[in-house]
Amino acid sequence: MAMNQVGNWGKRLWPLGLLMAAIFISSSTVVTSKQFVKGIADYSPIRVTEAQFSEFWFQWWWMFVKGWHATEFALVFLAVRHAVGREKTGLAVAITAILAASDEIHQMSIPARGARITDWLIDLLGVTFLVAWFDLGRRRPEMSVGSRLSSIAVLGFGLVLVLRWLALHPYP
């Protein structure tokens, strides 16, 4: 392999490597809900008691925690797609699914963490959103930006409902 080709792969892969390292590090730690609620109550710029934030967190944790999972693997998908080429979306989806599964497997070795099929599916929700967005633009280039945004808003709302259901109905 020519030196130029190695350099091109390095340029294509560094975003993916950086994201996967960040995911590995964050998956290796545990912050309990109680620690998180206390930290927010203690350091929030808005006056909020631990009890007030705890009530909010009890209702909305899934949006932040599971939404972040979907977001981080959407970013991984973009990095993989950048590495393999835009025209290879199916390959990028498959690689991202494998990387998401590897993160779940890694979490099995972390005390107080675990792996769930529903978490893996949540990881792939962000990928699903992006694939739909790219596909809509490719298949319907004549659509106005407003129509495309409306379609994506409906898809996004549907994905949030799926996210909520998966978060509140975990499957081992």
C-alpha atoms as a PDB file:
ATOM      1  CA  MET A   1       0.000   0.000   0.000  1.00  0.00           C
ATOM      2  CA  ALA A   2       1.392   3.359  -0.972  1.00  0.00           C
ATOM      3  CA  MET A   3       2.199   5.867   1.742  1.00  0.00           C
ATOM      4  CA  ASN A   4      -0.409   8.256   0.317  1.00  0.00           C
ATOM      5  CA  GLN A   5      -3.153   5.632   0.747  1.00  0.00           C
ATOM      6  CA  VAL A   6      -2.120   5.073   4.391  1.00  0.00           C
ATOM      7  CA  GLY A   7      -2.317   8.823   4.976  1.00  0.00           C
ATOM      8  CA  ASN A   8      -5.793   8.947   3.430  1.00  0.00           C
ATOM      9  CA  TRP A   9      -7.013   6.140   5.724  1.00  0.00           C
ATOM     10  CA  GLY A  10      -5.590   7.990   8.715  1.00  0.00           C
ATOM     11  CA  LYS A  11      -7.481  11.115   7.706  1.00  0.00           C
ATOM     12  CA  ARG A  12     -10.669   9.124   7.289  1.00  0.00           C
ATOM     13  CA  LEU A  13     -10.403   7.084  10.477  1.00  0.00           C
ATOM     14  CA  TRP A  14      -9.273   9.557  13.149  1.00  0.00           C
ATOM     15  CA  PRO A  15     -12.801  10.907  13.870  1.00  0.00           C
ATOM     16  CA  LEU A  16     -14.071   7.351  14.355  1.00  0.00           C
ATOM     17  CA  GLY A  17     -11.134   6.440  16.595  1.00  0.00           C
ATOM     18  CA  LEU A  18     -11.671   9.537  18.718  1.00  0.00           C
ATOM     19  CA  LEU A  19     -15.400   8.869  19.122  1.00  0.00           C
ATOM     20  CA  MET A  20     -14.917   5.204  19.974  1.00  0.00           C
ATOM     21  CA  ALA A  21     -12.248   6.074  22.560  1.00  0.00           C
ATOM     22  CA  ALA A  22     -14.629   8.593  24.175  1.00  0.00           C
ATOM     23  CA  ILE A  23     -17.453   6.039  24.183  1.00  0.00           C
ATOM     24  CA  PHE A  24     -15.173   3.363  25.680  1.00  0.00           C
ATOM     25  CA  ILE A  25     -14.071   5.720  28.463  1.00  0.00           C
ATOM     26  CA  SER A  26     -17.602   6.906  29.257  1.00  0.00           C
ATOM     27  CA  SER A  27     -18.898   3.311  29.184  1.00  0.00           C
ATOM     28  CA  SER A  28     -16.245   2.390  31.742  1.00  0.00           C
ATOM     29  CA  THR A  29     -17.676   4.716  34.376  1.00  0.00           C
ATOM     30  CA  VAL A  30     -20.837   4.742  36.438  1.00  0.00           C
ATOM     31  CA  VAL A  31     -22.628   7.761  37.846  1.00  0.00           C
ATOM     32  CA  THR A  32     -25.661   6.800  39.880  1.00  0.00           C
ATOM     33  CA  SER A  33     -28.883   8.775  39.588  1.00  0.00           C
ATOM     34  CA  LYS A  34     -28.469   9.890  43.191  1.00  0.00           C
ATOM     35  CA  GLN A  35     -24.933  11.224  42.516  1.00  0.00           C
ATOM     36  CA  PHE A  36     -26.112  12.950  39.356  1.00  0.00           C
ATOM     37  CA  VAL A  37     -29.145  14.573  41.007  1.00  0.00           C
ATOM     38  CA  LYS A  38     -27.016  15.788  43.928  1.00  0.00           C
ATOM     39  CA  GLY A  39     -24.380  17.203  41.566  1.00  0.00           C
ATOM     40  CA  ILE A  40     -26.954  19.099  39.524  1.00  0.00           C
ATOM     41  CA  ALA A  41     -28.689  20.445  42.627  1.00  0.00           C
ATOM     42  CA  ASP A  42     -25.361  21.548  44.144  1.00  0.00           C
ATOM     43  CA  TYR A  43     -23.870  23.171  41.032  1.00  0.00           C
ATOM     44  CA  SER A  44     -26.850  24.358  39.001  1.00  0.00           C
ATOM     45  CA  PRO A  45     -26.785  28.056  38.079  1.00  0.00           C
ATOM     46  CA  ILE A  46     -30.553  27.999  38.626  1.00  0.00           C
ATOM     47  CA  ARG A  47     -31.755  27.531  42.156  1.00  0.00           C
ATOM     48  CA  VAL A  48     -33.057  23.983  42.350  1.00  0.00           C
ATOM     49  CA  THR A  49     -33.305  21.653  45.296  1.00  0.00           C
ATOM     50  CA  GLU A  50     -32.270  18.043  45.185  1.00  0.00           C
ATOM     51  CA  ALA A  51     -35.927  17.023  45.637  1.00  0.00           C
ATOM     52  CA  GLN A  52     -37.074  19.256  42.755  1.00  0.00           C
ATOM     53  CA  PHE A  53     -34.444  17.979  40.359  1.00  0.00           C
ATOM     54  CA  SER A  54     -35.016  14.409  41.510  1.00  0.00           C
ATOM     55  CA  GLU A  55     -38.697  14.705  40.576  1.00  0.00           C
ATOM     56  CA  PHE A  56     -37.792  16.096  37.143  1.00  0.00           C
ATOM     57  CA  TRP A  57     -35.121  13.428  36.606  1.00  0.00           C
ATOM     58  CA  PHE A  58     -37.509  10.617  37.575  1.00  0.00           C
ATOM     59  CA  GLN A  59     -39.824  11.626  34.716  1.00  0.00           C
ATOM     60  CA  TRP A  60     -37.296  12.616  32.044  1.00  0.00           C
ATOM     61  CA  TRP A  61     -34.056  10.616  32.580  1.00  0.00           C
ATOM     62  CA  TRP A  62     -34.774   8.442  29.560  1.00  0.00           C
ATOM     63  CA  MET A  63     -34.733  11.412  27.171  1.00  0.00           C
ATOM     64  CA  PHE A  64     -31.270  12.514  28.274  1.00  0.00           C
ATOM     65  CA  VAL A  65     -29.589   9.180  28.968  1.00  0.00           C
ATOM     66  CA  LYS A  66     -31.006   7.137  26.114  1.00  0.00           C
ATOM     67  CA  GLY A  67     -31.162  10.135  23.787  1.00  0.00           C
ATOM     68  CA  TRP A  68     -27.439  10.569  24.289  1.00  0.00           C
ATOM     69  CA  HIS A  69     -26.874   6.924  23.287  1.00  0.00           C
ATOM     70  CA  ALA A  70     -28.799   7.469  20.047  1.00  0.00           C
ATOM     71  CA  THR A  71     -26.872  10.686  19.410  1.00  0.00           C
ATOM     72  CA  GLU A  72     -23.416   9.263  20.040  1.00  0.00           C
ATOM     73  CA  PHE A  73     -23.987   6.335  17.690  1.00  0.00           C
ATOM     74  CA  ALA A  74     -25.458   8.682  15.072  1.00  0.00           C
ATOM     75  CA  LEU A  75     -22.092  10.469  15.273  1.00  0.00           C
ATOM     76  CA  VAL A  76     -20.282   7.126  15.032  1.00  0.00           C
ATOM     77  CA  PHE A  77     -22.330   6.341  11.916  1.00  0.00           C
ATOM     78  CA  LEU A  78     -21.286   9.656  10.359  1.00  0.00           C
ATOM     79  CA  ALA A  79     -17.638   8.909  11.147  1.00  0.00           C
ATOM     80  CA  VAL A  80     -17.898   5.379   9.719  1.00  0.00           C
ATOM     81  CA  ARG A  81     -19.671   6.697   6.629  1.00  0.00           C
ATOM     82  CA  HIS A  82     -16.883   9.243   6.225  1.00  0.00           C
ATOM     83  CA  ALA A  83     -14.291   6.444   6.475  1.00  0.00           C
ATOM     84  CA  VAL A  84     -15.904   3.962   4.067  1.00  0.00           C
ATOM     85  CA  GLY A  85     -17.429   6.455   1.642  1.00  0.00           C
ATOM     86  CA  ARG A  86     -20.822   8.097   1.335  1.00  0.00           C
ATOM     87  CA  GLU A  87     -22.040   5.638  -1.264  1.00  0.00           C
ATOM     88  CA  LYS A  88     -21.603   2.676   1.132  1.00  0.00           C
ATOM     89  CA  THR A  89     -24.384   3.491   3.590  1.00  0.00           C
ATOM     90  CA  GLY A  90     -25.298  -0.172   4.163  1.00  0.00           C
ATOM     91  CA  LEU A  91     -21.718  -1.016   5.101  1.00  0.00           C
ATOM     92  CA  ALA A  92     -21.575   2.009   7.401  1.00  0.00           C
ATOM     93  CA  VAL A  93     -24.803   0.892   9.123  1.00  0.00           C
ATOM     94  CA  ALA A  94     -23.444  -2.658   9.588  1.00  0.00           C
ATOM     95  CA  ILE A  95     -20.126  -1.447  11.023  1.00  0.00           C
ATOM     96  CA  THR A  96     -21.924   0.967  13.349  1.00  0.00           C
ATOM     97  CA  ALA A  97     -24.232  -1.826  14.546  1.00  0.00           C
ATOM     98  CA  ILE A  98     -21.179  -3.979  15.312  1.00  0.00           C
ATOM     99  CA  LEU A  99     -19.488  -1.113  17.176  1.00  0.00           C
ATOM    100  CA  ALA A 100     -22.680  -0.487  19.192  1.00  0.00           C
ATOM    101  CA  ALA A 101     -22.851  -4.200  20.052  1.00  0.00           C
ATOM    102  CA  SER A 102     -19.185  -4.134  21.097  1.00  0.00           C
ATOM    103  CA  ASP A 103     -19.968  -1.246  23.454  1.00  0.00           C
ATOM    104  CA  GLU A 104     -22.784  -3.255  25.050  1.00  0.00           C
ATOM    105  CA  ILE A 105     -20.467  -6.277  25.396  1.00  0.00           C
ATOM    106  CA  HIS A 106     -17.799  -4.041  26.969  1.00  0.00           C
ATOM    107  CA  GLN A 107     -20.343  -2.784  29.521  1.00  0.00           C
ATOM    108  CA  MET A 108     -20.915  -6.363  30.706  1.00  0.00           C
ATOM    109  CA  SER A 109     -17.458  -6.252  32.316  1.00  0.00           C
ATOM    110  CA  ILE A 110     -18.111  -2.988  34.200  1.00  0.00           C
ATOM    111  CA  PRO A 111     -19.565  -3.320  37.720  1.00  0.00           C
ATOM    112  CA  ALA A 112     -23.031  -1.700  37.968  1.00  0.00           C
ATOM    113  CA  ARG A 113     -23.309  -1.606  34.152  1.00  0.00           C
ATOM    114  CA  GLY A 114     -24.777  -4.161  31.846  1.00  0.00           C
ATOM    115  CA  ALA A 115     -25.733  -4.982  28.296  1.00  0.00           C
ATOM    116  CA  ARG A 116     -29.252  -4.955  26.947  1.00  0.00           C
ATOM    117  CA  ILE A 117     -30.645  -5.610  23.508  1.00  0.00           C
ATOM    118  CA  THR A 118     -32.900  -2.585  23.951  1.00  0.00           C
ATOM    119  CA  ASP A 119     -29.849  -0.387  24.617  1.00  0.00           C
ATOM    120  CA  TRP A 120     -28.294  -1.647  21.372  1.00  0.00           C
ATOM    121  CA  LEU A 121     -31.527  -0.811  19.529  1.00  0.00           C
ATOM    122  CA  ILE A 122     -31.533   2.647  21.118  1.00  0.00           C
ATOM    123  CA  ASP A 123     -27.953   3.136  19.908  1.00  0.00           C
ATOM    124  CA  LEU A 124     -29.204   2.420  16.391  1.00  0.00           C
ATOM    125  CA  LEU A 125     -32.146   4.859  16.553  1.00  0.00           C
ATOM    126  CA  GLY A 126     -29.860   7.782  15.758  1.00  0.00           C
ATOM    127  CA  VAL A 127     -28.473   5.846  12.804  1.00  0.00           C
ATOM    128  CA  THR A 128     -32.014   5.140  11.597  1.00  0.00           C
ATOM    129  CA  PHE A 129     -32.829   8.844  11.740  1.00  0.00           C
ATOM    130  CA  LEU A 130     -29.765   9.812   9.693  1.00  0.00           C
ATOM    131  CA  VAL A 131     -30.249   7.067   7.115  1.00  0.00           C
ATOM    132  CA  ALA A 132     -33.856   8.200   6.631  1.00  0.00           C
ATOM    133  CA  TRP A 133     -32.694  11.817   6.297  1.00  0.00           C
ATOM    134  CA  PHE A 134     -30.057  10.943   3.689  1.00  0.00           C
ATOM    135  CA  ASP A 135     -32.425   8.608   1.842  1.00  0.00           C
ATOM    136  CA  LEU A 136     -35.186  11.196   1.731  1.00  0.00           C
ATOM    137  CA  GLY A 137     -32.803  13.730   0.217  1.00  0.00           C
ATOM    138  CA  ARG A 138     -31.517  11.233  -2.330  1.00  0.00           C
ATOM    139  CA  ARG A 139     -34.884   9.823  -3.399  1.00  0.00           C
ATOM    140  CA  ARG A 140     -36.840  13.066  -3.343  1.00  0.00           C
ATOM    141  CA  PRO A 141     -34.414  15.853  -4.285  1.00  0.00           C
ATOM    142  CA  GLU A 142     -37.320  17.947  -5.603  1.00  0.00           C
ATOM    143  CA  MET A 143     -38.863  18.185  -2.120  1.00  0.00           C
ATOM    144  CA  SER A 144     -38.739  21.628  -0.634  1.00  0.00           C
ATOM    145  CA  VAL A 145     -36.691  22.118   2.503  1.00  0.00           C
ATOM    146  CA  GLY A 146     -39.923  22.735   4.450  1.00  0.00           C
ATOM    147  CA  SER A 147     -41.465  19.459   3.259  1.00  0.00           C
ATOM    148  CA  ARG A 148     -38.288  17.570   4.036  1.00  0.00           C
ATOM    149  CA  LEU A 149     -38.111  19.120   7.521  1.00  0.00           C
ATOM    150  CA  SER A 150     -41.771  18.247   8.147  1.00  0.00           C
ATOM    151  CA  SER A 151     -41.135  14.637   7.146  1.00  0.00           C
ATOM    152  CA  ILE A 152     -38.073  14.467   9.361  1.00  0.00           C
ATOM    153  CA  ALA A 153     -39.989  16.036  12.274  1.00  0.00           C
ATOM    154  CA  VAL A 154     -42.626  13.300  11.993  1.00  0.00           C
ATOM    155  CA  LEU A 155     -39.905  10.638  11.803  1.00  0.00           C
ATOM    156  CA  GLY A 156     -38.095  12.227  14.751  1.00  0.00           C
ATOM    157  CA  PHE A 157     -41.261  12.263  16.839  1.00  0.00           C
ATOM    158  CA  GLY A 158     -41.850   8.608  16.021  1.00  0.00           C
ATOM    159  CA  LEU A 159     -38.281   7.751  16.979  1.00  0.00           C
ATOM    160  CA  VAL A 160     -38.658   9.601  20.303  1.00  0.00           C
ATOM    161  CA  LEU A 161     -41.744   7.501  21.042  1.00  0.00           C
ATOM    162  CA  VAL A 162     -39.787   4.335  20.225  1.00  0.00           C
ATOM    163  CA  LEU A 163     -36.904   5.604  22.369  1.00  0.00           C
ATOM    164  CA  ARG A 164     -39.243   6.134  25.313  1.00  0.00           C
ATOM    165  CA  TRP A 165     -40.807   2.709  24.936  1.00  0.00           C
ATOM    166  CA  LEU A 166     -37.430   0.946  24.659  1.00  0.00           C
ATOM    167  CA  ALA A 167     -36.016   2.898  27.618  1.00  0.00           C
ATOM    168  CA  LEU A 168     -38.963   2.046  29.857  1.00  0.00           C
ATOM    169  CA  HIS A 169     -39.223  -1.597  28.726  1.00  0.00           C
ATOM    170  CA  PRO A 170     -35.622  -2.854  28.875  1.00  0.00           C
ATOM    171  CA  TYR A 171     -34.992  -6.333  27.533  1.00  0.00           C
ATOM    172  CA  PRO A 172     -31.932  -8.275  28.631  1.00  0.00           C
END
